Amino acid sequence: MIYGKIWCVVKPSVGLPLFLGGVALTSLTVHFAVLNNTSWFKGFMEGPAKVAAVSADASSPPPEAPAAKK
């Protein structure tokens, strides 16, 4: 292990729970942000029928391709 000497400064009984708690908190924060800031995620979690209904509601036409330069 490259950073094995860290356990001479921080006890593993303190450091490991802090590290794993930080990873869990970061993961939950990212998932919460994706859930609240996107419109497609809720439909995705509810299943294929809901995704089809959400995509059918989006009435904006697809963007046009840029004109080719000559």
C-alpha atoms as a PDB file:
ATOM      1  CA  MET A   1       0.000   0.000   0.000  1.00  0.00           C
ATOM      2  CA  ILE A   2       1.424   3.375  -1.026  1.00  0.00           C
ATOM      3  CA  TYR A   3      -0.055   5.414   1.811  1.00  0.00           C
ATOM      4  CA  GLY A   4       0.157   2.773   4.532  1.00  0.00           C
ATOM      5  CA  LYS A   5       1.802   5.153   7.007  1.00  0.00           C
ATOM      6  CA  ILE A   6      -1.416   7.183   7.268  1.00  0.00           C
ATOM      7  CA  TRP A   7      -2.612   4.631   9.831  1.00  0.00           C
ATOM      8  CA  CYS A   8       0.268   5.714  12.103  1.00  0.00           C
ATOM      9  CA  VAL A   9      -1.470   9.118  12.319  1.00  0.00           C
ATOM     10  CA  VAL A  10      -5.166   8.198  12.063  1.00  0.00           C
ATOM     11  CA  LYS A  11      -6.592   5.133  13.793  1.00  0.00           C
ATOM     12  CA  PRO A  12      -8.314   2.737  11.368  1.00  0.00           C
ATOM     13  CA  SER A  13     -11.296   2.592  13.729  1.00  0.00           C
ATOM     14  CA  VAL A  14     -11.794   6.330  13.061  1.00  0.00           C
ATOM     15  CA  GLY A  15     -10.445   6.714   9.518  1.00  0.00           C
ATOM     16  CA  LEU A  16     -12.315   3.900   7.779  1.00  0.00           C
ATOM     17  CA  PRO A  17     -15.803   4.881   8.979  1.00  0.00           C
ATOM     18  CA  LEU A  18     -15.103   8.513   8.047  1.00  0.00           C
ATOM     19  CA  PHE A  19     -13.889   7.499   4.581  1.00  0.00           C
ATOM     20  CA  LEU A  20     -16.796   5.143   3.906  1.00  0.00           C
ATOM     21  CA  GLY A  21     -19.282   7.656   5.303  1.00  0.00           C
ATOM     22  CA  GLY A  22     -17.851  10.316   2.987  1.00  0.00           C
ATOM     23  CA  VAL A  23     -18.201   8.019  -0.018  1.00  0.00           C
ATOM     24  CA  ALA A  24     -21.817   7.182   0.903  1.00  0.00           C
ATOM     25  CA  LEU A  25     -22.707  10.841   1.496  1.00  0.00           C
ATOM     26  CA  THR A  26     -21.175  11.886  -1.838  1.00  0.00           C
ATOM     27  CA  SER A  27     -23.060   9.135  -3.672  1.00  0.00           C
ATOM     28  CA  LEU A  28     -26.377  10.085  -2.096  1.00  0.00           C
ATOM     29  CA  THR A  29     -25.797  13.762  -2.868  1.00  0.00           C
ATOM     30  CA  VAL A  30     -25.069  13.047  -6.540  1.00  0.00           C
ATOM     31  CA  HIS A  31     -28.117  10.799  -6.898  1.00  0.00           C
ATOM     32  CA  PHE A  32     -30.330  13.375  -5.190  1.00  0.00           C
ATOM     33  CA  ALA A  33     -29.057  16.107  -7.521  1.00  0.00           C
ATOM     34  CA  VAL A  34     -29.693  13.978 -10.631  1.00  0.00           C
ATOM     35  CA  LEU A  35     -33.170  13.077  -9.409  1.00  0.00           C
ATOM     36  CA  ASN A  36     -34.147  16.691  -8.765  1.00  0.00           C
ATOM     37  CA  ASN A  37     -32.472  18.379 -11.759  1.00  0.00           C
ATOM     38  CA  THR A  38     -33.493  16.163 -14.660  1.00  0.00           C
ATOM     39  CA  SER A  39     -36.850  15.419 -16.210  1.00  0.00           C
ATOM     40  CA  TRP A  40     -35.961  12.007 -17.643  1.00  0.00           C
ATOM     41  CA  PHE A  41     -34.730  10.290 -14.457  1.00  0.00           C
ATOM     42  CA  LYS A  42     -38.141  10.012 -12.788  1.00  0.00           C
ATOM     43  CA  GLY A  43     -39.624   8.457 -15.923  1.00  0.00           C
ATOM     44  CA  PHE A  44     -36.685   6.089 -16.213  1.00  0.00           C
ATOM     45  CA  MET A  45     -37.189   4.864 -12.662  1.00  0.00           C
ATOM     46  CA  GLU A  46     -40.915   4.288 -13.253  1.00  0.00           C
ATOM     47  CA  GLY A  47     -40.364   1.993 -16.248  1.00  0.00           C
ATOM     48  CA  PRO A  48     -40.578   1.831 -20.054  1.00  0.00           C
ATOM     49  CA  ALA A  49     -44.244   2.884 -20.323  1.00  0.00           C
ATOM     50  CA  LYS A  50     -43.565   6.112 -18.446  1.00  0.00           C
ATOM     51  CA  VAL A  51     -40.473   6.836 -20.579  1.00  0.00           C
ATOM     52  CA  ALA A  52     -42.530   6.490 -23.762  1.00  0.00           C
ATOM     53  CA  ALA A  53     -45.182   8.836 -22.368  1.00  0.00           C
ATOM     54  CA  VAL A  54     -42.601  11.435 -21.346  1.00  0.00           C
ATOM     55  CA  SER A  55     -40.861  11.310 -24.731  1.00  0.00           C
ATOM     56  CA  ALA A  56     -44.230  11.576 -26.532  1.00  0.00           C
ATOM     57  CA  ASP A  57     -45.004  14.725 -24.530  1.00  0.00           C
ATOM     58  CA  ALA A  58     -41.852  16.405 -25.773  1.00  0.00           C
ATOM     59  CA  SER A  59     -43.299  18.118 -28.834  1.00  0.00           C
ATOM     60  CA  SER A  60     -40.197  20.041 -29.862  1.00  0.00           C
ATOM     61  CA  PRO A  61     -38.863  18.979 -33.268  1.00  0.00           C
ATOM     62  CA  PRO A  62     -35.338  17.574 -33.489  1.00  0.00           C
ATOM     63  CA  PRO A  63     -32.606  20.086 -34.340  1.00  0.00           C
ATOM     64  CA  GLU A  64     -31.722  20.465 -38.006  1.00  0.00           C
ATOM     65  CA  ALA A  65     -28.310  19.530 -39.282  1.00  0.00           C
ATOM     66  CA  PRO A  66     -26.081  22.492 -40.208  1.00  0.00           C
ATOM     67  CA  ALA A  67     -25.822  23.285 -43.898  1.00  0.00           C
ATOM     68  CA  ALA A  68     -22.769  21.866 -45.625  1.00  0.00           C
ATOM     69  CA  LYS A  69     -20.158  24.406 -46.730  1.00  0.00           C
ATOM     70  CA  LYS A  70     -19.109  24.366 -50.376  1.00  0.00           C
END
